[in-house]
Amino acid sequence: MLGRRREWAELRETDLSPASRGFLAAFTDHVLWRISNVLMEKADDGSWNLLVKIPSPTGDPRRNLCLWMDEKGVPSIEFGAWHTHADLWDSDPRRGVARMLDYLEQISDGTVLLKESPTVGDGLPFCVVDVSSRDELLDEVTSPGAPPSIRLLSWSGAEDRILDVDAVGPSNGGPA
């Protein structure tokens, strides 16, 4: 989604591509629906696809969320510069969208955070960390070349934290 220049228009559900209508139907029950900016984006072939922009309550554009249809018509989600596509979650389109929207919920509730990386050229965080996974947290702070601490950014700002070995706790084979 980043760097693309497309034509946008106000949502007219009847003008959306069939895949976009299905994606829209799945998203309207999501907790973030009520605060979303729902638009249409013109695809290269002239069809209209769903485009949903969900600003971060922090006002930091690096934390914004975006839902869109990729160039193959696959529902996709973006958080910072990180993104994924529904077909990576499941080959069945409905299950893929459902799983991806469940992950969106984990992002909005602060379970999945952006890993701030000052070495990224455009300054946008591009890696996510599931803070409910102790193993994932340990990997982040103990991998070769890991910095002494990592700043994690939540979509809402309420779950921001600094991650270091002391924050994760010693590795003793049991839960933290």
N, C-alpha and C. Protein backbone atom coordinates (compact mmCIF):
# COMPACT_ATOMS: atom_id res chain seq x y z
N MET A 1 0.82 -1.19 0.00
CA MET A 1 0.00 0.00 0.00
C MET A 1 0.87 1.25 0.00
N LEU A 2 1.96 1.25 0.71
CA LEU A 2 2.80 2.43 0.80
C LEU A 2 3.34 2.82 -0.57
N GLY A 3 3.35 4.12 -0.83
CA GLY A 3 3.93 4.62 -2.05
C GLY A 3 3.03 4.54 -3.27
N ARG A 4 1.87 3.91 -3.15
CA ARG A 4 0.96 3.80 -4.28
C ARG A 4 0.13 5.06 -4.39
N ARG A 5 -0.04 5.55 -5.59
CA ARG A 5 -0.91 6.70 -5.85
C ARG A 5 -2.11 6.18 -6.62
N ARG A 6 -3.26 6.24 -6.02
CA ARG A 6 -4.49 5.72 -6.62
C ARG A 6 -5.59 6.76 -6.50
N GLU A 7 -6.63 6.54 -7.28
CA GLU A 7 -7.83 7.36 -7.19
C GLU A 7 -8.73 6.78 -6.12
N TRP A 8 -9.23 7.63 -5.23
CA TRP A 8 -10.13 7.22 -4.18
C TRP A 8 -11.48 7.87 -4.38
N ALA A 9 -12.51 7.26 -3.84
CA ALA A 9 -13.86 7.81 -3.90
C ALA A 9 -14.62 7.38 -2.65
N GLU A 10 -15.72 8.09 -2.38
CA GLU A 10 -16.58 7.69 -1.27
C GLU A 10 -17.15 6.31 -1.58
N LEU A 11 -17.39 5.56 -0.53
CA LEU A 11 -17.87 4.19 -0.67
C LEU A 11 -19.25 4.15 -1.32
N ARG A 12 -19.35 3.37 -2.35
CA ARG A 12 -20.62 2.98 -2.97
C ARG A 12 -20.54 1.47 -3.10
N GLU A 13 -21.14 0.79 -2.15
CA GLU A 13 -20.99 -0.67 -2.06
C GLU A 13 -21.32 -1.37 -3.38
N THR A 14 -22.30 -0.88 -4.11
CA THR A 14 -22.69 -1.54 -5.36
C THR A 14 -21.59 -1.44 -6.43
N ASP A 15 -20.67 -0.48 -6.29
CA ASP A 15 -19.59 -0.33 -7.26
C ASP A 15 -18.37 -1.20 -6.93
N LEU A 16 -18.35 -1.76 -5.73
CA LEU A 16 -17.18 -2.55 -5.31
C LEU A 16 -17.09 -3.87 -6.07
N SER A 17 -15.87 -4.35 -6.22
CA SER A 17 -15.65 -5.68 -6.79
C SER A 17 -16.27 -6.71 -5.86
N PRO A 18 -16.62 -7.89 -6.38
CA PRO A 18 -17.22 -8.93 -5.51
C PRO A 18 -16.34 -9.27 -4.30
N ALA A 19 -15.03 -9.40 -4.51
CA ALA A 19 -14.14 -9.72 -3.38
C ALA A 19 -14.16 -8.60 -2.35
N SER A 20 -14.21 -7.36 -2.80
CA SER A 20 -14.27 -6.23 -1.88
C SER A 20 -15.58 -6.21 -1.10
N ARG A 21 -16.69 -6.56 -1.75
CA ARG A 21 -17.97 -6.61 -1.04
C ARG A 21 -17.93 -7.67 0.06
N GLY A 22 -17.30 -8.82 -0.22
CA GLY A 22 -17.16 -9.85 0.80
C GLY A 22 -16.29 -9.40 1.96
N PHE A 23 -15.20 -8.71 1.64
CA PHE A 23 -14.29 -8.19 2.66
C PHE A 23 -15.02 -7.15 3.51
N LEU A 24 -15.78 -6.28 2.87
CA LEU A 24 -16.55 -5.26 3.58
C LEU A 24 -17.55 -5.92 4.53
N ALA A 25 -18.27 -6.92 4.06
CA ALA A 25 -19.25 -7.61 4.89
C ALA A 25 -18.60 -8.23 6.12
N ALA A 26 -17.41 -8.79 5.96
CA ALA A 26 -16.70 -9.40 7.09
C ALA A 26 -16.22 -8.33 8.07
N PHE A 27 -15.86 -7.16 7.57
CA PHE A 27 -15.28 -6.12 8.42
C PHE A 27 -16.34 -5.33 9.19
N THR A 28 -17.56 -5.24 8.70
CA THR A 28 -18.56 -4.39 9.35
C THR A 28 -18.90 -4.83 10.77
N ASP A 29 -18.59 -6.07 11.14
CA ASP A 29 -18.82 -6.54 12.51
C ASP A 29 -17.61 -6.33 13.41
N HIS A 30 -16.51 -5.84 12.86
CA HIS A 30 -15.29 -5.67 13.63
C HIS A 30 -15.40 -4.45 14.54
N VAL A 31 -14.75 -4.52 15.69
CA VAL A 31 -14.79 -3.44 16.68
C VAL A 31 -14.26 -2.12 16.10
N LEU A 32 -13.35 -2.15 15.15
CA LEU A 32 -12.78 -0.93 14.59
C LEU A 32 -13.64 -0.30 13.49
N TRP A 33 -14.71 -0.97 13.09
CA TRP A 33 -15.56 -0.46 12.01
C TRP A 33 -16.04 0.97 12.30
N ARG A 34 -16.46 1.23 13.51
CA ARG A 34 -17.09 2.51 13.84
C ARG A 34 -16.13 3.70 13.75
N ILE A 35 -14.83 3.47 13.80
CA ILE A 35 -13.88 4.59 13.73
C ILE A 35 -13.08 4.58 12.42
N SER A 36 -13.51 3.77 11.49
CA SER A 36 -12.78 3.62 10.23
C SER A 36 -13.25 4.61 9.18
N ASN A 37 -12.32 5.02 8.34
CA ASN A 37 -12.63 5.80 7.15
C ASN A 37 -12.72 4.80 6.00
N VAL A 38 -13.92 4.54 5.52
CA VAL A 38 -14.15 3.51 4.51
C VAL A 38 -14.34 4.18 3.15
N LEU A 39 -13.48 3.83 2.22
CA LEU A 39 -13.46 4.42 0.89
C LEU A 39 -13.41 3.32 -0.17
N MET A 40 -13.34 3.76 -1.41
CA MET A 40 -13.07 2.86 -2.54
C MET A 40 -11.80 3.35 -3.21
N GLU A 41 -11.05 2.41 -3.75
CA GLU A 41 -9.82 2.72 -4.46
C GLU A 41 -9.92 2.10 -5.86
N LYS A 42 -9.59 2.88 -6.87
CA LYS A 42 -9.68 2.40 -8.24
C LYS A 42 -8.45 1.54 -8.55
N ALA A 43 -8.71 0.32 -9.01
CA ALA A 43 -7.64 -0.61 -9.38
C ALA A 43 -7.16 -0.31 -10.80
N ASP A 44 -6.03 -0.90 -11.16
CA ASP A 44 -5.47 -0.70 -12.49
C ASP A 44 -6.44 -1.10 -13.60
N ASP A 45 -7.29 -2.09 -13.33
CA ASP A 45 -8.23 -2.56 -14.35
C ASP A 45 -9.52 -1.74 -14.39
N GLY A 46 -9.60 -0.68 -13.57
CA GLY A 46 -10.77 0.19 -13.57
C GLY A 46 -11.84 -0.20 -12.56
N SER A 47 -11.72 -1.35 -11.93
CA SER A 47 -12.70 -1.76 -10.92
C SER A 47 -12.43 -0.99 -9.62
N TRP A 48 -13.40 -1.05 -8.73
CA TRP A 48 -13.28 -0.37 -7.44
C TRP A 48 -13.12 -1.40 -6.33
N ASN A 49 -12.13 -1.16 -5.47
CA ASN A 49 -11.84 -2.05 -4.35
C ASN A 49 -11.99 -1.31 -3.02
N LEU A 50 -12.23 -2.08 -2.00
CA LEU A 50 -12.36 -1.53 -0.65
C LEU A 50 -11.04 -0.97 -0.17
N LEU A 51 -11.11 0.18 0.50
CA LEU A 51 -9.95 0.79 1.14
C LEU A 51 -10.43 1.33 2.48
N VAL A 52 -9.84 0.84 3.57
CA VAL A 52 -10.23 1.25 4.92
C VAL A 52 -9.01 1.83 5.61
N LYS A 53 -9.14 3.04 6.10
CA LYS A 53 -8.07 3.68 6.85
C LYS A 53 -8.53 3.84 8.29
N ILE A 54 -7.66 3.39 9.21
CA ILE A 54 -7.99 3.45 10.63
C ILE A 54 -6.85 4.19 11.33
N PRO A 55 -7.07 5.47 11.65
CA PRO A 55 -6.00 6.24 12.26
C PRO A 55 -5.72 5.78 13.68
N SER A 56 -4.46 5.88 14.06
CA SER A 56 -4.08 5.58 15.44
C SER A 56 -4.57 6.70 16.35
N PRO A 57 -5.11 6.35 17.51
CA PRO A 57 -5.53 7.39 18.47
C PRO A 57 -4.37 8.26 18.93
N THR A 58 -3.14 7.79 18.73
CA THR A 58 -1.97 8.57 19.14
C THR A 58 -1.71 9.76 18.22
N GLY A 59 -2.27 9.71 17.01
CA GLY A 59 -1.96 10.73 16.02
C GLY A 59 -0.66 10.46 15.27
N ASP A 60 0.06 9.41 15.65
CA ASP A 60 1.32 9.03 15.00
C ASP A 60 0.98 8.24 13.73
N PRO A 61 1.24 8.80 12.55
CA PRO A 61 0.87 8.10 11.31
C PRO A 61 1.60 6.78 11.11
N ARG A 62 2.72 6.58 11.82
CA ARG A 62 3.45 5.31 11.71
C ARG A 62 2.65 4.15 12.29
N ARG A 63 1.64 4.44 13.11
CA ARG A 63 0.85 3.41 13.77
C ARG A 63 -0.51 3.19 13.11
N ASN A 64 -0.79 3.91 12.05
CA ASN A 64 -2.09 3.78 11.38
C ASN A 64 -2.27 2.38 10.83
N LEU A 65 -3.52 1.99 10.72
CA LEU A 65 -3.90 0.71 10.12
C LEU A 65 -4.57 0.98 8.78
N CYS A 66 -4.41 0.07 7.86
CA CYS A 66 -5.05 0.19 6.57
C CYS A 66 -5.45 -1.20 6.09
N LEU A 67 -6.64 -1.32 5.57
CA LEU A 67 -7.12 -2.54 4.93
C LEU A 67 -7.33 -2.21 3.46
N TRP A 68 -6.90 -3.08 2.59
CA TRP A 68 -7.05 -2.84 1.17
C TRP A 68 -6.99 -4.15 0.40
N MET A 69 -7.30 -4.08 -0.86
CA MET A 69 -7.19 -5.24 -1.75
C MET A 69 -5.87 -5.09 -2.50
N ASP A 70 -5.05 -6.15 -2.49
CA ASP A 70 -3.78 -6.06 -3.20
C ASP A 70 -4.00 -6.17 -4.72
N GLU A 71 -2.92 -6.15 -5.48
CA GLU A 71 -3.02 -6.16 -6.94
C GLU A 71 -3.65 -7.44 -7.49
N LYS A 72 -3.73 -8.49 -6.67
CA LYS A 72 -4.38 -9.74 -7.09
C LYS A 72 -5.81 -9.84 -6.56
N GLY A 73 -6.29 -8.78 -5.91
CA GLY A 73 -7.64 -8.78 -5.36
C GLY A 73 -7.75 -9.51 -4.04
N VAL A 74 -6.64 -9.65 -3.32
CA VAL A 74 -6.63 -10.34 -2.04
C VAL A 74 -6.71 -9.32 -0.90
N PRO A 75 -7.64 -9.50 0.04
CA PRO A 75 -7.72 -8.60 1.19
C PRO A 75 -6.39 -8.59 1.95
N SER A 76 -5.99 -7.38 2.36
CA SER A 76 -4.69 -7.19 2.99
C SER A 76 -4.81 -6.19 4.13
N ILE A 77 -3.85 -6.24 5.04
CA ILE A 77 -3.82 -5.32 6.19
C ILE A 77 -2.41 -4.77 6.32
N GLU A 78 -2.33 -3.52 6.75
CA GLU A 78 -1.05 -2.84 6.96
C GLU A 78 -1.07 -2.18 8.33
N PHE A 79 0.03 -2.35 9.06
CA PHE A 79 0.23 -1.72 10.37
C PHE A 79 1.65 -1.19 10.34
N GLY A 80 1.82 0.14 10.39
CA GLY A 80 3.13 0.71 10.13
C GLY A 80 3.51 0.35 8.71
N ALA A 81 4.71 -0.14 8.50
CA ALA A 81 5.13 -0.60 7.18
C ALA A 81 5.01 -2.12 7.06
N TRP A 82 4.58 -2.79 8.12
CA TRP A 82 4.35 -4.24 8.09
C TRP A 82 3.01 -4.50 7.43
N HIS A 83 2.92 -5.56 6.67
CA HIS A 83 1.63 -5.93 6.09
C HIS A 83 1.56 -7.43 5.86
N THR A 84 0.33 -7.89 5.64
CA THR A 84 0.08 -9.29 5.35
C THR A 84 -1.17 -9.38 4.47
N HIS A 85 -1.39 -10.55 3.92
CA HIS A 85 -2.50 -10.79 3.00
C HIS A 85 -3.31 -11.99 3.50
N ALA A 86 -4.63 -11.94 3.29
CA ALA A 86 -5.54 -12.97 3.79
C ALA A 86 -5.18 -14.36 3.29
N ASP A 87 -4.69 -14.46 2.05
CA ASP A 87 -4.38 -15.79 1.52
C ASP A 87 -3.17 -16.43 2.19
N LEU A 88 -2.41 -15.67 2.96
CA LEU A 88 -1.31 -16.24 3.75
C LEU A 88 -1.83 -16.85 5.05
N TRP A 89 -3.01 -16.44 5.49
CA TRP A 89 -3.61 -16.95 6.71
C TRP A 89 -4.36 -18.25 6.46
N ASP A 90 -4.97 -18.35 5.27
CA ASP A 90 -5.70 -19.57 4.90
C ASP A 90 -6.00 -19.49 3.42
N SER A 91 -5.92 -20.61 2.73
CA SER A 91 -6.20 -20.62 1.29
C SER A 91 -7.69 -20.43 1.00
N ASP A 92 -8.55 -20.74 1.95
CA ASP A 92 -9.98 -20.47 1.79
C ASP A 92 -10.19 -18.97 2.05
N PRO A 93 -10.73 -18.23 1.07
CA PRO A 93 -10.83 -16.77 1.23
C PRO A 93 -11.59 -16.31 2.48
N ARG A 94 -12.69 -16.95 2.81
CA ARG A 94 -13.46 -16.53 4.00
C ARG A 94 -12.69 -16.77 5.29
N ARG A 95 -12.08 -17.95 5.39
CA ARG A 95 -11.29 -18.24 6.60
C ARG A 95 -10.07 -17.35 6.68
N GLY A 96 -9.43 -17.08 5.54
CA GLY A 96 -8.27 -16.19 5.52
C GLY A 96 -8.62 -14.80 6.01
N VAL A 97 -9.73 -14.25 5.54
CA VAL A 97 -10.18 -12.93 5.98
C VAL A 97 -10.52 -12.96 7.46
N ALA A 98 -11.23 -13.98 7.91
CA ALA A 98 -11.59 -14.09 9.32
C ALA A 98 -10.35 -14.13 10.21
N ARG A 99 -9.36 -14.91 9.83
CA ARG A 99 -8.13 -15.01 10.63
C ARG A 99 -7.36 -13.70 10.62
N MET A 100 -7.32 -13.05 9.45
CA MET A 100 -6.62 -11.78 9.36
C MET A 100 -7.33 -10.72 10.21
N LEU A 101 -8.66 -10.71 10.21
CA LEU A 101 -9.39 -9.76 11.04
C LEU A 101 -9.24 -10.07 12.53
N ASP A 102 -9.09 -11.34 12.89
CA ASP A 102 -8.77 -11.68 14.28
C ASP A 102 -7.42 -11.09 14.67
N TYR A 103 -6.46 -11.14 13.75
CA TYR A 103 -5.15 -10.56 14.01
C TYR A 103 -5.25 -9.04 14.14
N LEU A 104 -6.11 -8.43 13.33
CA LEU A 104 -6.35 -6.99 13.45
C LEU A 104 -6.84 -6.66 14.85
N GLU A 105 -7.69 -7.50 15.40
CA GLU A 105 -8.18 -7.31 16.76
C GLU A 105 -7.03 -7.40 17.77
N GLN A 106 -6.09 -8.31 17.55
CA GLN A 106 -4.93 -8.42 18.44
C GLN A 106 -4.05 -7.17 18.34
N ILE A 107 -3.99 -6.57 17.17
CA ILE A 107 -3.26 -5.32 17.01
C ILE A 107 -3.97 -4.21 17.78
N SER A 108 -5.28 -4.10 17.60
CA SER A 108 -6.01 -3.01 18.25
C SER A 108 -6.08 -3.17 19.77
N ASP A 109 -6.02 -4.41 20.27
CA ASP A 109 -6.07 -4.58 21.73
C ASP A 109 -4.68 -4.56 22.38
N GLY A 110 -3.63 -4.37 21.59
CA GLY A 110 -2.29 -4.21 22.15
C GLY A 110 -1.54 -5.50 22.38
N THR A 111 -1.99 -6.62 21.82
CA THR A 111 -1.27 -7.88 21.95
C THR A 111 -0.17 -7.98 20.89
N VAL A 112 -0.41 -7.40 19.73
CA VAL A 112 0.58 -7.38 18.65
C VAL A 112 1.05 -5.95 18.48
N LEU A 113 2.36 -5.74 18.65
CA LEU A 113 2.95 -4.41 18.63
C LEU A 113 3.97 -4.29 17.51
N LEU A 114 4.22 -3.05 17.10
CA LEU A 114 5.26 -2.76 16.12
C LEU A 114 6.61 -2.67 16.81
N LYS A 115 7.60 -3.25 16.21
CA LYS A 115 8.97 -3.14 16.71
C LYS A 115 9.60 -1.93 16.03
N GLU A 116 9.92 -0.92 16.83
CA GLU A 116 10.52 0.28 16.25
C GLU A 116 11.97 -0.02 15.89
N SER A 117 12.32 0.27 14.66
CA SER A 117 13.68 -0.01 14.20
C SER A 117 14.25 1.25 13.57
N PRO A 118 15.20 1.89 14.24
CA PRO A 118 15.72 3.15 13.71
C PRO A 118 16.55 2.99 12.43
N THR A 119 16.84 1.76 12.03
CA THR A 119 17.67 1.57 10.84
C THR A 119 16.86 1.52 9.56
N VAL A 120 15.54 1.52 9.64
CA VAL A 120 14.71 1.47 8.45
C VAL A 120 14.79 2.83 7.76
N GLY A 121 15.04 2.81 6.45
CA GLY A 121 15.27 4.03 5.68
C GLY A 121 14.15 5.05 5.76
N ASP A 122 12.89 4.61 5.69
CA ASP A 122 11.79 5.57 5.70
C ASP A 122 11.27 5.86 7.11
N GLY A 123 11.87 5.25 8.12
CA GLY A 123 11.49 5.50 9.49
C GLY A 123 10.23 4.78 9.95
N LEU A 124 9.67 3.93 9.10
CA LEU A 124 8.45 3.21 9.48
C LEU A 124 8.78 1.83 10.04
N PRO A 125 8.21 1.50 11.20
CA PRO A 125 8.41 0.15 11.75
C PRO A 125 7.79 -0.89 10.82
N PHE A 126 8.51 -1.99 10.59
CA PHE A 126 8.03 -2.97 9.63
C PHE A 126 7.95 -4.39 10.20
N CYS A 127 8.12 -4.54 11.48
CA CYS A 127 8.11 -5.85 12.10
C CYS A 127 7.12 -5.81 13.26
N VAL A 128 6.35 -6.89 13.43
CA VAL A 128 5.42 -6.96 14.54
C VAL A 128 5.86 -8.03 15.53
N VAL A 129 5.48 -7.85 16.77
CA VAL A 129 5.83 -8.76 17.85
C VAL A 129 4.56 -9.08 18.63
N ASP A 130 4.31 -10.36 18.84
CA ASP A 130 3.18 -10.81 19.65
C ASP A 130 3.66 -10.87 21.09
N VAL A 131 3.22 -9.91 21.90
CA VAL A 131 3.72 -9.83 23.27
C VAL A 131 3.13 -10.88 24.19
N SER A 132 2.17 -11.66 23.70
CA SER A 132 1.64 -12.76 24.50
C SER A 132 2.51 -14.02 24.37
N SER A 133 3.47 -13.99 23.45
CA SER A 133 4.36 -15.13 23.23
C SER A 133 5.72 -14.86 23.88
N ARG A 134 5.97 -15.51 25.02
CA ARG A 134 7.25 -15.33 25.71
C ARG A 134 8.41 -15.73 24.82
N ASP A 135 8.24 -16.81 24.04
CA ASP A 135 9.31 -17.25 23.13
C ASP A 135 9.63 -16.18 22.09
N GLU A 136 8.60 -15.55 21.56
CA GLU A 136 8.83 -14.50 20.57
C GLU A 136 9.56 -13.31 21.20
N LEU A 137 9.17 -12.95 22.42
CA LEU A 137 9.84 -11.86 23.12
C LEU A 137 11.30 -12.19 23.38
N LEU A 138 11.56 -13.42 23.85
CA LEU A 138 12.95 -13.82 24.09
C LEU A 138 13.77 -13.80 22.81
N ASP A 139 13.19 -14.26 21.71
CA ASP A 139 13.90 -14.22 20.42
C ASP A 139 14.30 -12.79 20.06
N GLU A 140 13.41 -11.85 20.32
CA GLU A 140 13.68 -10.45 19.97
C GLU A 140 14.86 -9.88 20.74
N VAL A 141 15.00 -10.25 22.01
CA VAL A 141 16.05 -9.64 22.84
C VAL A 141 17.32 -10.48 22.94
N THR A 142 17.28 -11.73 22.50
CA THR A 142 18.47 -12.58 22.63
C THR A 142 19.06 -13.01 21.30
N SER A 143 18.45 -12.63 20.20
CA SER A 143 19.00 -13.04 18.90
C SER A 143 20.34 -12.34 18.66
N PRO A 144 21.23 -12.97 17.89
CA PRO A 144 22.53 -12.34 17.60
C PRO A 144 22.33 -10.95 16.99
N GLY A 145 23.05 -9.99 17.53
CA GLY A 145 22.97 -8.62 17.02
C GLY A 145 21.80 -7.82 17.55
N ALA A 146 21.01 -8.42 18.45
CA ALA A 146 19.87 -7.68 19.01
C ALA A 146 20.37 -6.50 19.83
N PRO A 147 19.71 -5.36 19.73
CA PRO A 147 20.11 -4.22 20.56
C PRO A 147 19.78 -4.50 22.02
N PRO A 148 20.36 -3.74 22.95
CA PRO A 148 20.10 -3.98 24.37
C PRO A 148 18.64 -3.79 24.76
N SER A 149 17.93 -2.94 24.03
CA SER A 149 16.50 -2.76 24.28
C SER A 149 15.81 -2.41 22.97
N ILE A 150 14.53 -2.72 22.93
CA ILE A 150 13.72 -2.50 21.74
C ILE A 150 12.45 -1.76 22.17
N ARG A 151 12.12 -0.74 21.44
CA ARG A 151 10.87 -0.02 21.73
C ARG A 151 9.75 -0.65 20.91
N LEU A 152 8.67 -1.01 21.59
CA LEU A 152 7.50 -1.59 20.95
C LEU A 152 6.37 -0.56 20.99
N LEU A 153 5.72 -0.38 19.84
CA LEU A 153 4.67 0.62 19.70
C LEU A 153 3.33 -0.06 19.48
N SER A 154 2.35 0.32 20.27
CA SER A 154 1.00 -0.21 20.10
C SER A 154 0.19 0.75 19.23
N TRP A 155 -0.84 0.21 18.61
CA TRP A 155 -1.71 1.05 17.77
C TRP A 155 -2.32 2.17 18.61
N SER A 156 -2.79 1.85 19.81
CA SER A 156 -3.47 2.85 20.65
C SER A 156 -2.51 3.73 21.43
N GLY A 157 -1.27 3.27 21.61
CA GLY A 157 -0.31 3.98 22.44
C GLY A 157 -0.35 3.52 23.89
N ALA A 158 -1.43 2.86 24.30
CA ALA A 158 -1.61 2.46 25.69
C ALA A 158 -0.70 1.30 26.09
N GLU A 159 -0.25 0.52 25.12
CA GLU A 159 0.57 -0.66 25.43
C GLU A 159 2.03 -0.50 25.01
N ASP A 160 2.46 0.72 24.71
CA ASP A 160 3.86 0.94 24.35
C ASP A 160 4.76 0.44 25.47
N ARG A 161 5.91 -0.08 25.10
CA ARG A 161 6.84 -0.57 26.13
C ARG A 161 8.25 -0.67 25.58
N ILE A 162 9.16 -0.76 26.49
CA ILE A 162 10.56 -1.03 26.16
C ILE A 162 10.79 -2.50 26.48
N LEU A 163 11.35 -3.21 25.54
CA LEU A 163 11.60 -4.63 25.71
C LEU A 163 13.11 -4.84 25.86
N ASP A 164 13.51 -5.51 26.93
CA ASP A 164 14.89 -5.93 27.12
C ASP A 164 14.87 -7.26 27.87
N VAL A 165 16.02 -7.83 28.08
CA VAL A 165 16.09 -9.14 28.73
C VAL A 165 15.44 -9.10 30.11
N ASP A 166 15.67 -8.02 30.86
CA ASP A 166 15.08 -7.91 32.19
C ASP A 166 13.56 -7.88 32.14
N ALA A 167 13.00 -7.24 31.09
CA ALA A 167 11.55 -7.14 30.96
C ALA A 167 10.92 -8.50 30.66
N VAL A 168 11.65 -9.34 29.90
CA VAL A 168 11.13 -10.66 29.55
C VAL A 168 11.35 -11.63 30.69
N GLY A 169 12.43 -11.46 31.42
CA GLY A 169 12.75 -12.36 32.52
C GLY A 169 13.75 -13.42 32.08
N PRO A 170 14.39 -14.03 33.03
CA PRO A 170 15.39 -15.04 32.70
C PRO A 170 14.77 -16.26 32.04
N SER A 171 15.53 -16.86 31.19
CA SER A 171 15.08 -18.07 30.49
C SER A 171 15.28 -19.26 31.42
N ASN A 172 14.17 -19.79 31.93
CA ASN A 172 14.28 -20.94 32.84
C ASN A 172 13.43 -22.10 32.36
N GLY A 173 12.94 -21.98 31.13
CA GLY A 173 12.15 -23.05 30.57
C GLY A 173 10.68 -23.00 30.94
N GLY A 174 10.32 -22.11 31.86
CA GLY A 174 8.92 -21.99 32.26
C GLY A 174 8.35 -20.65 31.84
N PRO A 175 7.09 -20.44 32.09
CA PRO A 175 6.46 -19.17 31.73
C PRO A 175 7.02 -18.01 32.54
N ALA A 176 6.95 -16.84 31.98
CA ALA A 176 7.47 -15.64 32.66
C ALA A 176 6.57 -15.22 33.79
